[in-house]
Amino acid sequence: MANQLAAGSELLAYVREFSLREDAILRDLRRTTAELPGGESMQVMAEEGQFLAFLVAVTGVTDVLEIGTFTGYSTLCMARALPPGGKLVTCDVTDRWPEIAADYWRRAGVHERIDVRIGRAVETLDAMVSDGCADRFGLVFIDADKANYPAYYELALRLVRPGGLVVVDNTLFFGRVVDPAADDADTAGVREVNARIRDDRRVDVSMLPMADGITLVRRR
């Protein structure tokens, strides 16, 4: 049985040459984000953004929920993949980053598909459940503060429809999940959500060793 390949810079360049379709708008947004403090480490890989767009397109979903906007790269990728009339709700704790994203969303012609909700994500998601959004979304993408991942996961399962997909980012968390010395709240949150998903009979699951770990969860 073949083991997972280690994707060094040469192999990653090959993948990008033969697969990546990052256009000028996405490249510009990536460069702008890279200039921000912590921008490169917080932004999704270009390949992951394309993968998220692929999931939106292949599943045919019309409603997407994103937990964690940052500068909106993944938001833009998924919004572009929505069919006409599709909507994407994205949540962030501050409007600082989505304000940067908005110019790029407008350039791409998808800003009217995107609904930004500002506030603590747990409170925002609780309010959405109370407002009748349970079972609404075809796809939920979780990429926010890791300490609250277990709470986000449970709320995502209430908001995604049966048969819908929850995509959890950073589930390998820079390898810290297997480091016994890593006992910070973020690492603990990722470990807890990984264990919870593994044992959850409400869902089907596949953890992918790509980017920083991506777990696909299908609500049964």
N, C-alpha and C. Protein backbone atom coordinates (compact mmCIF):
# COMPACT_ATOMS: atom_id res chain seq x y z
N MET A 1 0.85 -1.19 0.00
CA MET A 1 0.00 0.00 0.00
C MET A 1 0.88 1.24 0.00
N ALA A 2 0.58 2.17 -0.89
CA ALA A 2 1.37 3.40 -0.98
C ALA A 2 1.03 4.32 0.18
N ASN A 3 2.04 5.01 0.68
CA ASN A 3 1.84 6.00 1.73
C ASN A 3 1.60 7.37 1.12
N GLN A 4 1.12 8.30 1.96
CA GLN A 4 0.89 9.67 1.52
C GLN A 4 2.21 10.30 1.09
N LEU A 5 2.21 10.98 -0.06
CA LEU A 5 3.39 11.68 -0.53
C LEU A 5 3.61 12.95 0.27
N ALA A 6 4.85 13.29 0.54
CA ALA A 6 5.18 14.58 1.12
C ALA A 6 5.29 15.58 -0.03
N ALA A 7 4.42 16.59 -0.02
CA ALA A 7 4.36 17.54 -1.12
C ALA A 7 5.35 18.67 -0.88
N GLY A 8 6.58 18.50 -1.35
CA GLY A 8 7.57 19.55 -1.28
C GLY A 8 7.30 20.62 -2.31
N SER A 9 8.15 21.62 -2.34
CA SER A 9 7.91 22.77 -3.21
C SER A 9 7.88 22.39 -4.69
N GLU A 10 8.72 21.44 -5.11
CA GLU A 10 8.76 21.05 -6.52
C GLU A 10 7.49 20.31 -6.92
N LEU A 11 7.03 19.40 -6.05
CA LEU A 11 5.81 18.66 -6.35
C LEU A 11 4.59 19.56 -6.29
N LEU A 12 4.57 20.49 -5.33
CA LEU A 12 3.45 21.43 -5.24
C LEU A 12 3.40 22.31 -6.48
N ALA A 13 4.55 22.73 -6.99
CA ALA A 13 4.58 23.52 -8.22
C ALA A 13 4.01 22.73 -9.38
N TYR A 14 4.28 21.42 -9.43
CA TYR A 14 3.74 20.56 -10.48
C TYR A 14 2.21 20.51 -10.39
N VAL A 15 1.69 20.32 -9.16
CA VAL A 15 0.24 20.28 -8.96
C VAL A 15 -0.38 21.58 -9.44
N ARG A 16 0.24 22.70 -9.09
CA ARG A 16 -0.32 23.98 -9.48
C ARG A 16 -0.25 24.19 -11.00
N GLU A 17 0.78 23.68 -11.62
CA GLU A 17 0.89 23.83 -13.08
C GLU A 17 -0.22 23.07 -13.80
N PHE A 18 -0.58 21.90 -13.27
CA PHE A 18 -1.51 21.04 -14.01
C PHE A 18 -2.93 21.05 -13.46
N SER A 19 -3.18 21.80 -12.36
CA SER A 19 -4.52 21.76 -11.80
C SER A 19 -5.06 23.12 -11.40
N LEU A 20 -4.23 23.98 -10.85
CA LEU A 20 -4.73 25.22 -10.25
C LEU A 20 -5.21 26.20 -11.32
N ARG A 21 -6.39 26.78 -11.08
CA ARG A 21 -6.96 27.77 -11.98
C ARG A 21 -7.26 29.06 -11.21
N GLU A 22 -6.25 29.60 -10.58
CA GLU A 22 -6.40 30.83 -9.81
C GLU A 22 -6.27 32.02 -10.76
N ASP A 23 -7.34 32.82 -10.87
CA ASP A 23 -7.33 33.94 -11.81
C ASP A 23 -6.76 35.20 -11.14
N ALA A 24 -6.77 36.30 -11.87
CA ALA A 24 -6.13 37.53 -11.40
C ALA A 24 -6.79 38.08 -10.14
N ILE A 25 -8.10 37.98 -10.03
CA ILE A 25 -8.78 38.50 -8.85
C ILE A 25 -8.37 37.72 -7.61
N LEU A 26 -8.35 36.41 -7.70
CA LEU A 26 -7.94 35.59 -6.57
C LEU A 26 -6.46 35.81 -6.24
N ARG A 27 -5.62 35.93 -7.26
CA ARG A 27 -4.20 36.19 -7.00
C ARG A 27 -4.00 37.52 -6.30
N ASP A 28 -4.73 38.53 -6.73
CA ASP A 28 -4.61 39.84 -6.10
C ASP A 28 -5.05 39.78 -4.63
N LEU A 29 -6.13 39.08 -4.37
CA LEU A 29 -6.61 38.95 -2.99
C LEU A 29 -5.60 38.18 -2.14
N ARG A 30 -5.00 37.15 -2.71
CA ARG A 30 -4.00 36.38 -1.98
C ARG A 30 -2.79 37.27 -1.63
N ARG A 31 -2.34 38.07 -2.58
CA ARG A 31 -1.19 38.94 -2.33
C ARG A 31 -1.50 40.00 -1.29
N THR A 32 -2.71 40.57 -1.37
CA THR A 32 -3.12 41.55 -0.36
C THR A 32 -3.15 40.93 1.02
N THR A 33 -3.68 39.73 1.12
CA THR A 33 -3.78 39.04 2.41
C THR A 33 -2.40 38.70 2.95
N ALA A 34 -1.49 38.31 2.08
CA ALA A 34 -0.14 37.93 2.52
C ALA A 34 0.60 39.09 3.17
N GLU A 35 0.21 40.32 2.87
CA GLU A 35 0.85 41.49 3.44
C GLU A 35 0.33 41.82 4.84
N LEU A 36 -0.75 41.16 5.27
CA LEU A 36 -1.33 41.41 6.59
C LEU A 36 -0.60 40.59 7.65
N PRO A 37 -0.61 41.02 8.91
CA PRO A 37 -0.01 40.22 9.98
C PRO A 37 -0.67 38.85 10.07
N GLY A 38 0.13 37.80 9.92
CA GLY A 38 -0.41 36.44 9.97
C GLY A 38 -1.23 36.05 8.76
N GLY A 39 -1.21 36.88 7.72
CA GLY A 39 -2.07 36.65 6.57
C GLY A 39 -1.82 35.34 5.86
N GLU A 40 -0.54 35.01 5.63
CA GLU A 40 -0.23 33.78 4.89
C GLU A 40 -0.66 32.54 5.64
N SER A 41 -0.49 32.53 6.96
CA SER A 41 -0.82 31.34 7.73
C SER A 41 -2.33 31.17 7.92
N MET A 42 -3.08 32.27 7.89
CA MET A 42 -4.52 32.20 8.13
C MET A 42 -5.33 31.97 6.86
N GLN A 43 -4.77 32.27 5.71
CA GLN A 43 -5.49 32.14 4.45
C GLN A 43 -5.46 30.70 3.96
N VAL A 44 -6.57 30.24 3.38
CA VAL A 44 -6.59 28.88 2.82
C VAL A 44 -5.66 28.82 1.62
N MET A 45 -5.10 27.63 1.38
CA MET A 45 -4.30 27.43 0.18
C MET A 45 -5.17 27.62 -1.06
N ALA A 46 -4.55 28.07 -2.14
CA ALA A 46 -5.29 28.24 -3.38
C ALA A 46 -5.96 26.94 -3.81
N GLU A 47 -5.24 25.82 -3.62
CA GLU A 47 -5.80 24.52 -4.00
C GLU A 47 -7.04 24.18 -3.17
N GLU A 48 -7.03 24.59 -1.90
CA GLU A 48 -8.19 24.32 -1.06
C GLU A 48 -9.38 25.17 -1.48
N GLY A 49 -9.12 26.43 -1.83
CA GLY A 49 -10.21 27.26 -2.33
C GLY A 49 -10.84 26.67 -3.58
N GLN A 50 -10.02 26.17 -4.47
CA GLN A 50 -10.53 25.54 -5.69
C GLN A 50 -11.29 24.26 -5.35
N PHE A 51 -10.81 23.51 -4.37
CA PHE A 51 -11.49 22.31 -3.93
C PHE A 51 -12.87 22.63 -3.34
N LEU A 52 -12.97 23.70 -2.55
CA LEU A 52 -14.26 24.10 -2.00
C LEU A 52 -15.23 24.49 -3.11
N ALA A 53 -14.73 25.22 -4.10
CA ALA A 53 -15.58 25.58 -5.24
C ALA A 53 -16.06 24.33 -5.97
N PHE A 54 -15.18 23.36 -6.11
CA PHE A 54 -15.53 22.09 -6.75
C PHE A 54 -16.65 21.40 -5.98
N LEU A 55 -16.53 21.37 -4.65
CA LEU A 55 -17.57 20.73 -3.83
C LEU A 55 -18.91 21.42 -3.99
N VAL A 56 -18.90 22.75 -4.00
CA VAL A 56 -20.15 23.50 -4.18
C VAL A 56 -20.77 23.16 -5.53
N ALA A 57 -19.94 23.15 -6.56
CA ALA A 57 -20.47 22.89 -7.91
C ALA A 57 -20.97 21.46 -8.07
N VAL A 58 -20.19 20.50 -7.60
CA VAL A 58 -20.55 19.10 -7.84
C VAL A 58 -21.76 18.67 -7.02
N THR A 59 -21.96 19.28 -5.85
CA THR A 59 -23.12 18.94 -5.03
C THR A 59 -24.36 19.71 -5.45
N GLY A 60 -24.19 20.79 -6.20
CA GLY A 60 -25.33 21.57 -6.67
C GLY A 60 -26.04 22.34 -5.58
N VAL A 61 -25.37 22.64 -4.48
CA VAL A 61 -26.03 23.34 -3.38
C VAL A 61 -26.34 24.78 -3.77
N THR A 62 -27.36 25.34 -3.14
CA THR A 62 -27.76 26.72 -3.41
C THR A 62 -27.59 27.61 -2.19
N ASP A 63 -27.33 27.02 -1.02
CA ASP A 63 -27.13 27.78 0.21
C ASP A 63 -25.89 27.27 0.91
N VAL A 64 -24.93 28.17 1.15
CA VAL A 64 -23.67 27.82 1.81
C VAL A 64 -23.53 28.68 3.05
N LEU A 65 -23.03 28.07 4.12
CA LEU A 65 -22.71 28.79 5.35
C LEU A 65 -21.22 28.66 5.62
N GLU A 66 -20.55 29.79 5.86
CA GLU A 66 -19.12 29.79 6.16
C GLU A 66 -18.92 30.38 7.55
N ILE A 67 -18.19 29.65 8.39
CA ILE A 67 -17.89 30.11 9.74
C ILE A 67 -16.42 30.52 9.76
N GLY A 68 -16.18 31.83 9.67
CA GLY A 68 -14.83 32.36 9.58
C GLY A 68 -14.56 32.91 8.19
N THR A 69 -14.65 34.22 8.03
CA THR A 69 -14.51 34.86 6.72
C THR A 69 -13.06 35.21 6.40
N PHE A 70 -12.38 35.84 7.35
CA PHE A 70 -11.08 36.47 7.17
C PHE A 70 -11.17 37.41 5.96
N THR A 71 -10.26 37.35 5.00
CA THR A 71 -10.30 38.28 3.87
C THR A 71 -11.09 37.73 2.68
N GLY A 72 -11.83 36.66 2.90
CA GLY A 72 -12.83 36.26 1.93
C GLY A 72 -12.37 35.48 0.72
N TYR A 73 -11.18 34.86 0.79
CA TYR A 73 -10.71 34.09 -0.36
C TYR A 73 -11.61 32.87 -0.58
N SER A 74 -11.81 32.07 0.47
CA SER A 74 -12.68 30.90 0.33
C SER A 74 -14.12 31.32 0.04
N THR A 75 -14.54 32.44 0.61
CA THR A 75 -15.88 32.98 0.34
C THR A 75 -16.05 33.22 -1.16
N LEU A 76 -15.07 33.87 -1.75
CA LEU A 76 -15.12 34.18 -3.17
C LEU A 76 -15.15 32.91 -4.01
N CYS A 77 -14.31 31.95 -3.66
CA CYS A 77 -14.28 30.70 -4.42
C CYS A 77 -15.65 30.01 -4.41
N MET A 78 -16.25 29.91 -3.23
CA MET A 78 -17.54 29.21 -3.12
C MET A 78 -18.68 30.00 -3.73
N ALA A 79 -18.67 31.34 -3.55
CA ALA A 79 -19.74 32.16 -4.11
C ALA A 79 -19.77 32.07 -5.63
N ARG A 80 -18.60 32.05 -6.24
CA ARG A 80 -18.54 31.92 -7.69
C ARG A 80 -19.13 30.60 -8.19
N ALA A 81 -19.02 29.57 -7.37
CA ALA A 81 -19.47 28.24 -7.79
C ALA A 81 -20.97 28.03 -7.59
N LEU A 82 -21.63 28.96 -6.90
CA LEU A 82 -23.06 28.83 -6.68
C LEU A 82 -23.84 29.03 -7.98
N PRO A 83 -24.98 28.38 -8.11
CA PRO A 83 -25.82 28.63 -9.28
C PRO A 83 -26.53 29.97 -9.16
N PRO A 84 -27.14 30.47 -10.24
CA PRO A 84 -27.90 31.72 -10.15
C PRO A 84 -28.94 31.63 -9.03
N GLY A 85 -29.00 32.69 -8.24
CA GLY A 85 -29.94 32.69 -7.11
C GLY A 85 -29.38 32.10 -5.84
N GLY A 86 -28.18 31.52 -5.91
CA GLY A 86 -27.57 30.93 -4.72
C GLY A 86 -27.11 32.00 -3.74
N LYS A 87 -27.03 31.62 -2.46
CA LYS A 87 -26.63 32.55 -1.41
C LYS A 87 -25.58 31.93 -0.51
N LEU A 88 -24.67 32.76 -0.03
CA LEU A 88 -23.63 32.34 0.91
C LEU A 88 -23.67 33.27 2.12
N VAL A 89 -23.86 32.70 3.29
CA VAL A 89 -23.80 33.45 4.55
C VAL A 89 -22.44 33.19 5.17
N THR A 90 -21.70 34.26 5.47
CA THR A 90 -20.37 34.11 6.05
C THR A 90 -20.29 34.90 7.35
N CYS A 91 -19.66 34.31 8.37
CA CYS A 91 -19.64 34.87 9.72
C CYS A 91 -18.21 35.22 10.13
N ASP A 92 -18.04 36.40 10.73
CA ASP A 92 -16.75 36.76 11.29
C ASP A 92 -16.96 37.62 12.53
N VAL A 93 -15.98 37.60 13.41
CA VAL A 93 -16.11 38.32 14.67
C VAL A 93 -15.88 39.82 14.49
N THR A 94 -15.27 40.22 13.38
CA THR A 94 -14.99 41.63 13.11
C THR A 94 -15.26 41.94 11.65
N ASP A 95 -15.63 43.21 11.39
CA ASP A 95 -15.84 43.60 9.99
C ASP A 95 -14.56 44.07 9.32
N ARG A 96 -13.44 44.06 10.04
CA ARG A 96 -12.16 44.54 9.49
C ARG A 96 -11.76 43.74 8.26
N TRP A 97 -11.83 42.42 8.34
CA TRP A 97 -11.37 41.58 7.22
C TRP A 97 -12.38 41.52 6.08
N PRO A 98 -13.69 41.33 6.35
CA PRO A 98 -14.64 41.33 5.24
C PRO A 98 -14.67 42.64 4.46
N GLU A 99 -14.31 43.75 5.11
CA GLU A 99 -14.25 45.02 4.37
C GLU A 99 -13.16 44.98 3.30
N ILE A 100 -12.06 44.29 3.59
CA ILE A 100 -11.02 44.09 2.57
C ILE A 100 -11.56 43.20 1.46
N ALA A 101 -12.26 42.16 1.85
CA ALA A 101 -12.78 41.19 0.87
C ALA A 101 -13.78 41.81 -0.09
N ALA A 102 -14.56 42.76 0.40
CA ALA A 102 -15.71 43.27 -0.37
C ALA A 102 -15.31 43.79 -1.74
N ASP A 103 -14.16 44.46 -1.84
CA ASP A 103 -13.73 44.98 -3.14
C ASP A 103 -13.51 43.86 -4.15
N TYR A 104 -12.97 42.76 -3.69
CA TYR A 104 -12.69 41.63 -4.58
C TYR A 104 -13.98 40.90 -4.94
N TRP A 105 -14.91 40.81 -4.00
CA TRP A 105 -16.21 40.21 -4.31
C TRP A 105 -16.94 41.03 -5.38
N ARG A 106 -16.82 42.36 -5.28
CA ARG A 106 -17.45 43.21 -6.30
C ARG A 106 -16.78 43.02 -7.65
N ARG A 107 -15.47 42.99 -7.66
CA ARG A 107 -14.74 42.79 -8.93
C ARG A 107 -15.17 41.49 -9.60
N ALA A 108 -15.44 40.47 -8.79
CA ALA A 108 -15.83 39.16 -9.34
C ALA A 108 -17.32 39.09 -9.65
N GLY A 109 -18.07 40.12 -9.27
CA GLY A 109 -19.50 40.16 -9.58
C GLY A 109 -20.34 39.23 -8.74
N VAL A 110 -19.87 38.90 -7.53
CA VAL A 110 -20.63 37.96 -6.68
C VAL A 110 -21.03 38.58 -5.34
N HIS A 111 -20.79 39.87 -5.15
CA HIS A 111 -21.04 40.47 -3.84
C HIS A 111 -22.50 40.37 -3.42
N GLU A 112 -23.43 40.36 -4.39
CA GLU A 112 -24.84 40.27 -4.04
C GLU A 112 -25.25 38.88 -3.57
N ARG A 113 -24.40 37.90 -3.78
CA ARG A 113 -24.68 36.54 -3.30
C ARG A 113 -24.24 36.33 -1.85
N ILE A 114 -23.48 37.29 -1.31
CA ILE A 114 -22.80 37.09 -0.03
C ILE A 114 -23.45 37.94 1.06
N ASP A 115 -23.81 37.28 2.15
CA ASP A 115 -24.42 37.91 3.32
C ASP A 115 -23.45 37.78 4.49
N VAL A 116 -22.85 38.91 4.91
CA VAL A 116 -21.86 38.90 5.99
C VAL A 116 -22.56 39.14 7.32
N ARG A 117 -22.29 38.26 8.29
CA ARG A 117 -22.82 38.41 9.65
C ARG A 117 -21.65 38.64 10.60
N ILE A 118 -21.68 39.76 11.33
CA ILE A 118 -20.59 40.13 12.22
C ILE A 118 -21.00 39.88 13.68
N GLY A 119 -20.12 39.24 14.43
CA GLY A 119 -20.38 38.96 15.83
C GLY A 119 -19.73 37.64 16.22
N ARG A 120 -19.85 37.28 17.49
CA ARG A 120 -19.34 35.99 17.93
C ARG A 120 -20.10 34.88 17.20
N ALA A 121 -19.36 33.97 16.59
CA ALA A 121 -19.99 33.00 15.70
C ALA A 121 -21.00 32.13 16.42
N VAL A 122 -20.71 31.71 17.66
CA VAL A 122 -21.66 30.87 18.38
C VAL A 122 -22.99 31.59 18.53
N GLU A 123 -22.94 32.88 18.86
CA GLU A 123 -24.17 33.64 19.02
C GLU A 123 -24.88 33.82 17.67
N THR A 124 -24.11 34.07 16.62
CA THR A 124 -24.70 34.22 15.29
C THR A 124 -25.39 32.94 14.85
N LEU A 125 -24.74 31.80 15.07
CA LEU A 125 -25.31 30.52 14.65
C LEU A 125 -26.52 30.15 15.50
N ASP A 126 -26.44 30.40 16.80
CA ASP A 126 -27.60 30.17 17.67
C ASP A 126 -28.81 30.97 17.18
N ALA A 127 -28.57 32.23 16.83
CA ALA A 127 -29.65 33.08 16.34
C ALA A 127 -30.23 32.54 15.04
N MET A 128 -29.38 32.01 14.19
CA MET A 128 -29.86 31.45 12.93
C MET A 128 -30.76 30.24 13.17
N VAL A 129 -30.38 29.40 14.13
CA VAL A 129 -31.22 28.26 14.48
C VAL A 129 -32.57 28.75 14.99
N SER A 130 -32.55 29.75 15.87
CA SER A 130 -33.78 30.30 16.44
C SER A 130 -34.66 30.95 15.37
N ASP A 131 -34.02 31.47 14.33
CA ASP A 131 -34.75 32.16 13.26
C ASP A 131 -35.27 31.20 12.19
N GLY A 132 -35.14 29.91 12.42
CA GLY A 132 -35.72 28.93 11.50
C GLY A 132 -34.81 28.46 10.40
N CYS A 133 -33.48 28.61 10.57
CA CYS A 133 -32.54 28.20 9.53
C CYS A 133 -32.04 26.76 9.70
N ALA A 134 -32.55 26.03 10.68
CA ALA A 134 -32.15 24.63 10.83
C ALA A 134 -32.47 23.86 9.55
N ASP A 135 -31.56 22.95 9.17
CA ASP A 135 -31.72 22.11 7.97
C ASP A 135 -31.75 22.91 6.67
N ARG A 136 -31.20 24.13 6.69
CA ARG A 136 -31.29 24.99 5.51
C ARG A 136 -30.16 24.80 4.53
N PHE A 137 -28.94 24.66 5.02
CA PHE A 137 -27.76 24.79 4.16
C PHE A 137 -27.32 23.45 3.56
N GLY A 138 -26.88 23.53 2.31
CA GLY A 138 -26.37 22.33 1.66
C GLY A 138 -24.93 22.06 2.00
N LEU A 139 -24.18 23.12 2.35
CA LEU A 139 -22.76 22.98 2.69
C LEU A 139 -22.40 24.00 3.76
N VAL A 140 -21.66 23.56 4.77
CA VAL A 140 -21.14 24.44 5.82
C VAL A 140 -19.63 24.27 5.87
N PHE A 141 -18.90 25.39 5.83
CA PHE A 141 -17.44 25.37 5.91
C PHE A 141 -17.01 26.00 7.22
N ILE A 142 -16.28 25.24 8.05
CA ILE A 142 -15.82 25.71 9.35
C ILE A 142 -14.33 26.03 9.28
N ASP A 143 -14.00 27.31 9.49
CA ASP A 143 -12.59 27.74 9.47
C ASP A 143 -12.46 28.99 10.33
N ALA A 144 -12.72 28.86 11.61
CA ALA A 144 -12.65 29.99 12.53
C ALA A 144 -11.76 29.61 13.71
N ASP A 145 -11.91 30.28 14.85
CA ASP A 145 -11.07 30.00 16.01
C ASP A 145 -11.24 28.54 16.44
N LYS A 146 -10.13 27.88 16.66
CA LYS A 146 -10.14 26.42 16.83
C LYS A 146 -10.67 25.98 18.20
N ALA A 147 -10.52 26.83 19.21
CA ALA A 147 -11.00 26.45 20.54
C ALA A 147 -12.50 26.19 20.54
N ASN A 148 -13.22 26.87 19.66
CA ASN A 148 -14.68 26.71 19.59
C ASN A 148 -15.14 25.73 18.52
N TYR A 149 -14.22 24.98 17.94
CA TYR A 149 -14.61 24.02 16.90
C TYR A 149 -15.69 23.04 17.36
N PRO A 150 -15.61 22.47 18.56
CA PRO A 150 -16.68 21.54 18.96
C PRO A 150 -18.06 22.19 18.94
N ALA A 151 -18.16 23.43 19.41
CA ALA A 151 -19.44 24.13 19.40
C ALA A 151 -19.89 24.42 17.98
N TYR A 152 -18.95 24.86 17.13
CA TYR A 152 -19.31 25.14 15.74
C TYR A 152 -19.80 23.87 15.03
N TYR A 153 -19.16 22.77 15.31
CA TYR A 153 -19.55 21.51 14.67
C TYR A 153 -20.98 21.14 15.02
N GLU A 154 -21.32 21.22 16.31
CA GLU A 154 -22.67 20.85 16.72
C GLU A 154 -23.71 21.78 16.10
N LEU A 155 -23.43 23.06 16.05
CA LEU A 155 -24.36 24.00 15.44
C LEU A 155 -24.44 23.79 13.93
N ALA A 156 -23.31 23.48 13.31
CA ALA A 156 -23.32 23.21 11.87
C ALA A 156 -24.22 22.03 11.54
N LEU A 157 -24.20 20.99 12.38
CA LEU A 157 -25.06 19.83 12.13
C LEU A 157 -26.54 20.18 12.24
N ARG A 158 -26.87 21.19 13.01
CA ARG A 158 -28.26 21.63 13.10
C ARG A 158 -28.65 22.48 11.88
N LEU A 159 -27.68 23.18 11.32
CA LEU A 159 -27.98 24.10 10.23
C LEU A 159 -27.86 23.46 8.85
N VAL A 160 -27.06 22.40 8.72
CA VAL A 160 -26.94 21.71 7.44
C VAL A 160 -28.12 20.76 7.28
N ARG A 161 -28.56 20.59 6.06
CA ARG A 161 -29.71 19.71 5.84
C ARG A 161 -29.27 18.25 5.81
N PRO A 162 -30.18 17.30 6.03
CA PRO A 162 -29.82 15.89 5.87
C PRO A 162 -29.27 15.63 4.47
N GLY A 163 -28.16 14.92 4.42
CA GLY A 163 -27.48 14.70 3.15
C GLY A 163 -26.50 15.79 2.79
N GLY A 164 -26.50 16.88 3.57
CA GLY A 164 -25.60 18.00 3.31
C GLY A 164 -24.21 17.73 3.85
N LEU A 165 -23.30 18.64 3.50
CA LEU A 165 -21.88 18.44 3.76
C LEU A 165 -21.35 19.52 4.70
N VAL A 166 -20.62 19.08 5.74
CA VAL A 166 -19.87 19.99 6.60
C VAL A 166 -18.39 19.77 6.31
N VAL A 167 -17.69 20.84 6.00
CA VAL A 167 -16.26 20.79 5.69
C VAL A 167 -15.52 21.49 6.84
N VAL A 168 -14.65 20.74 7.51
CA VAL A 168 -13.93 21.29 8.66
C VAL A 168 -12.46 21.46 8.28
N ASP A 169 -11.97 22.68 8.37
CA ASP A 169 -10.59 22.98 7.97
C ASP A 169 -9.64 22.85 9.16
N ASN A 170 -8.36 22.67 8.86
CA ASN A 170 -7.28 22.66 9.87
C ASN A 170 -7.40 21.51 10.86
N THR A 171 -7.88 20.37 10.43
CA THR A 171 -8.08 19.27 11.38
C THR A 171 -6.79 18.51 11.69
N LEU A 172 -5.69 18.87 11.04
CA LEU A 172 -4.37 18.37 11.45
C LEU A 172 -3.57 19.45 12.16
N PHE A 173 -3.98 20.68 12.04
CA PHE A 173 -3.50 21.84 12.79
C PHE A 173 -1.98 21.89 12.91
N PHE A 174 -1.34 21.97 11.75
CA PHE A 174 0.12 22.10 11.67
C PHE A 174 0.86 20.94 12.35
N GLY A 175 0.19 19.79 12.46
CA GLY A 175 0.78 18.63 13.12
C GLY A 175 0.69 18.66 14.63
N ARG A 176 0.13 19.71 15.20
CA ARG A 176 0.06 19.83 16.65
C ARG A 176 -0.86 18.79 17.29
N VAL A 177 -1.78 18.24 16.52
CA VAL A 177 -2.71 17.26 17.08
C VAL A 177 -1.99 16.01 17.58
N VAL A 178 -0.80 15.73 17.07
CA VAL A 178 -0.05 14.54 17.51
C VAL A 178 1.17 14.91 18.34
N ASP A 179 1.25 16.16 18.73
CA ASP A 179 2.38 16.62 19.55
C ASP A 179 1.96 16.60 21.02
N PRO A 180 2.51 15.71 21.84
CA PRO A 180 2.11 15.63 23.25
C PRO A 180 2.36 16.92 24.01
N ALA A 181 3.29 17.73 23.55
CA ALA A 181 3.61 18.97 24.25
C ALA A 181 2.63 20.10 23.93
N ALA A 182 1.79 19.92 22.94
CA ALA A 182 0.84 20.95 22.54
C ALA A 182 -0.43 20.81 23.37
N ASP A 183 -0.64 21.73 24.31
CA ASP A 183 -1.80 21.65 25.19
C ASP A 183 -2.58 22.96 25.23
N ASP A 184 -2.42 23.80 24.19
CA ASP A 184 -3.15 25.06 24.12
C ASP A 184 -4.61 24.82 23.77
N ALA A 185 -5.43 25.84 23.96
CA ALA A 185 -6.88 25.70 23.78
C ALA A 185 -7.25 25.40 22.33
N ASP A 186 -6.52 25.98 21.37
CA ASP A 186 -6.84 25.72 19.96
C ASP A 186 -6.58 24.27 19.58
N THR A 187 -5.41 23.76 19.97
CA THR A 187 -5.10 22.37 19.66
C THR A 187 -6.09 21.44 20.35
N ALA A 188 -6.44 21.75 21.59
CA ALA A 188 -7.42 20.93 22.31
C ALA A 188 -8.76 20.93 21.60
N GLY A 189 -9.16 22.08 21.06
CA GLY A 189 -10.43 22.16 20.35
C GLY A 189 -10.44 21.33 19.10
N VAL A 190 -9.32 21.32 18.36
CA VAL A 190 -9.23 20.50 17.15
C VAL A 190 -9.24 19.02 17.50
N ARG A 191 -8.48 18.64 18.51
CA ARG A 191 -8.49 17.23 18.93
C ARG A 191 -9.89 16.79 19.34
N GLU A 192 -10.58 17.65 20.09
CA GLU A 192 -11.92 17.27 20.56
C GLU A 192 -12.88 17.10 19.40
N VAL A 193 -12.85 18.04 18.45
CA VAL A 193 -13.79 17.91 17.34
C VAL A 193 -13.45 16.69 16.48
N ASN A 194 -12.17 16.38 16.31
CA ASN A 194 -11.80 15.19 15.55
C ASN A 194 -12.33 13.93 16.21
N ALA A 195 -12.19 13.84 17.53
CA ALA A 195 -12.69 12.67 18.25
C ALA A 195 -14.21 12.60 18.19
N ARG A 196 -14.85 13.76 18.30
CA ARG A 196 -16.31 13.79 18.26
C ARG A 196 -16.84 13.34 16.91
N ILE A 197 -16.21 13.82 15.85
CA ILE A 197 -16.64 13.41 14.51
C ILE A 197 -16.41 11.91 14.31
N ARG A 198 -15.26 11.41 14.73
CA ARG A 198 -14.95 9.98 14.58
C ARG A 198 -16.03 9.11 15.20
N ASP A 199 -16.55 9.51 16.35
CA ASP A 199 -17.49 8.70 17.11
C ASP A 199 -18.95 9.03 16.82
N ASP A 200 -19.20 9.95 15.91
CA ASP A 200 -20.55 10.47 15.67
C ASP A 200 -21.28 9.60 14.64
N ARG A 201 -22.27 8.86 15.08
CA ARG A 201 -23.02 7.97 14.19
C ARG A 201 -24.09 8.71 13.39
N ARG A 202 -24.18 10.02 13.58
CA ARG A 202 -25.12 10.82 12.78
C ARG A 202 -24.54 11.16 11.41
N VAL A 203 -23.26 10.86 11.20
CA VAL A 203 -22.58 11.36 10.01
C VAL A 203 -21.71 10.28 9.37
N ASP A 204 -21.37 10.51 8.11
CA ASP A 204 -20.29 9.80 7.42
C ASP A 204 -19.11 10.75 7.37
N VAL A 205 -17.89 10.20 7.38
CA VAL A 205 -16.73 11.06 7.53
C VAL A 205 -15.55 10.59 6.69
N SER A 206 -14.76 11.57 6.20
CA SER A 206 -13.49 11.29 5.55
C SER A 206 -12.53 12.43 5.85
N MET A 207 -11.42 12.11 6.54
CA MET A 207 -10.40 13.11 6.82
C MET A 207 -9.33 13.04 5.73
N LEU A 208 -9.07 14.17 5.09
CA LEU A 208 -8.13 14.21 3.98
C LEU A 208 -6.81 14.83 4.44
N PRO A 209 -5.68 14.17 4.20
CA PRO A 209 -4.38 14.73 4.59
C PRO A 209 -3.85 15.69 3.55
N MET A 210 -4.64 16.71 3.22
CA MET A 210 -4.21 17.75 2.29
C MET A 210 -4.29 19.09 3.00
N ALA A 211 -3.55 20.08 2.47
CA ALA A 211 -3.46 21.39 3.11
C ALA A 211 -3.10 21.19 4.57
N ASP A 212 -3.91 21.72 5.51
CA ASP A 212 -3.66 21.55 6.94
C ASP A 212 -4.63 20.54 7.55
N GLY A 213 -5.13 19.64 6.70
CA GLY A 213 -6.12 18.66 7.14
C GLY A 213 -7.51 19.17 6.86
N ILE A 214 -8.27 18.46 6.05
CA ILE A 214 -9.65 18.83 5.72
C ILE A 214 -10.52 17.61 5.99
N THR A 215 -11.52 17.77 6.84
CA THR A 215 -12.44 16.68 7.14
C THR A 215 -13.78 16.93 6.50
N LEU A 216 -14.25 15.96 5.73
CA LEU A 216 -15.56 16.03 5.09
C LEU A 216 -16.54 15.22 5.93
N VAL A 217 -17.65 15.85 6.27
CA VAL A 217 -18.67 15.23 7.11
C VAL A 217 -20.01 15.32 6.40
N ARG A 218 -20.63 14.17 6.17
CA ARG A 218 -21.96 14.16 5.53
C ARG A 218 -23.01 13.80 6.58
N ARG A 219 -23.96 14.70 6.76
CA ARG A 219 -25.04 14.41 7.71
C ARG A 219 -25.96 13.35 7.11
N ARG A 220 -26.16 12.29 7.87
CA ARG A 220 -27.02 11.21 7.38
C ARG A 220 -28.49 11.61 7.38
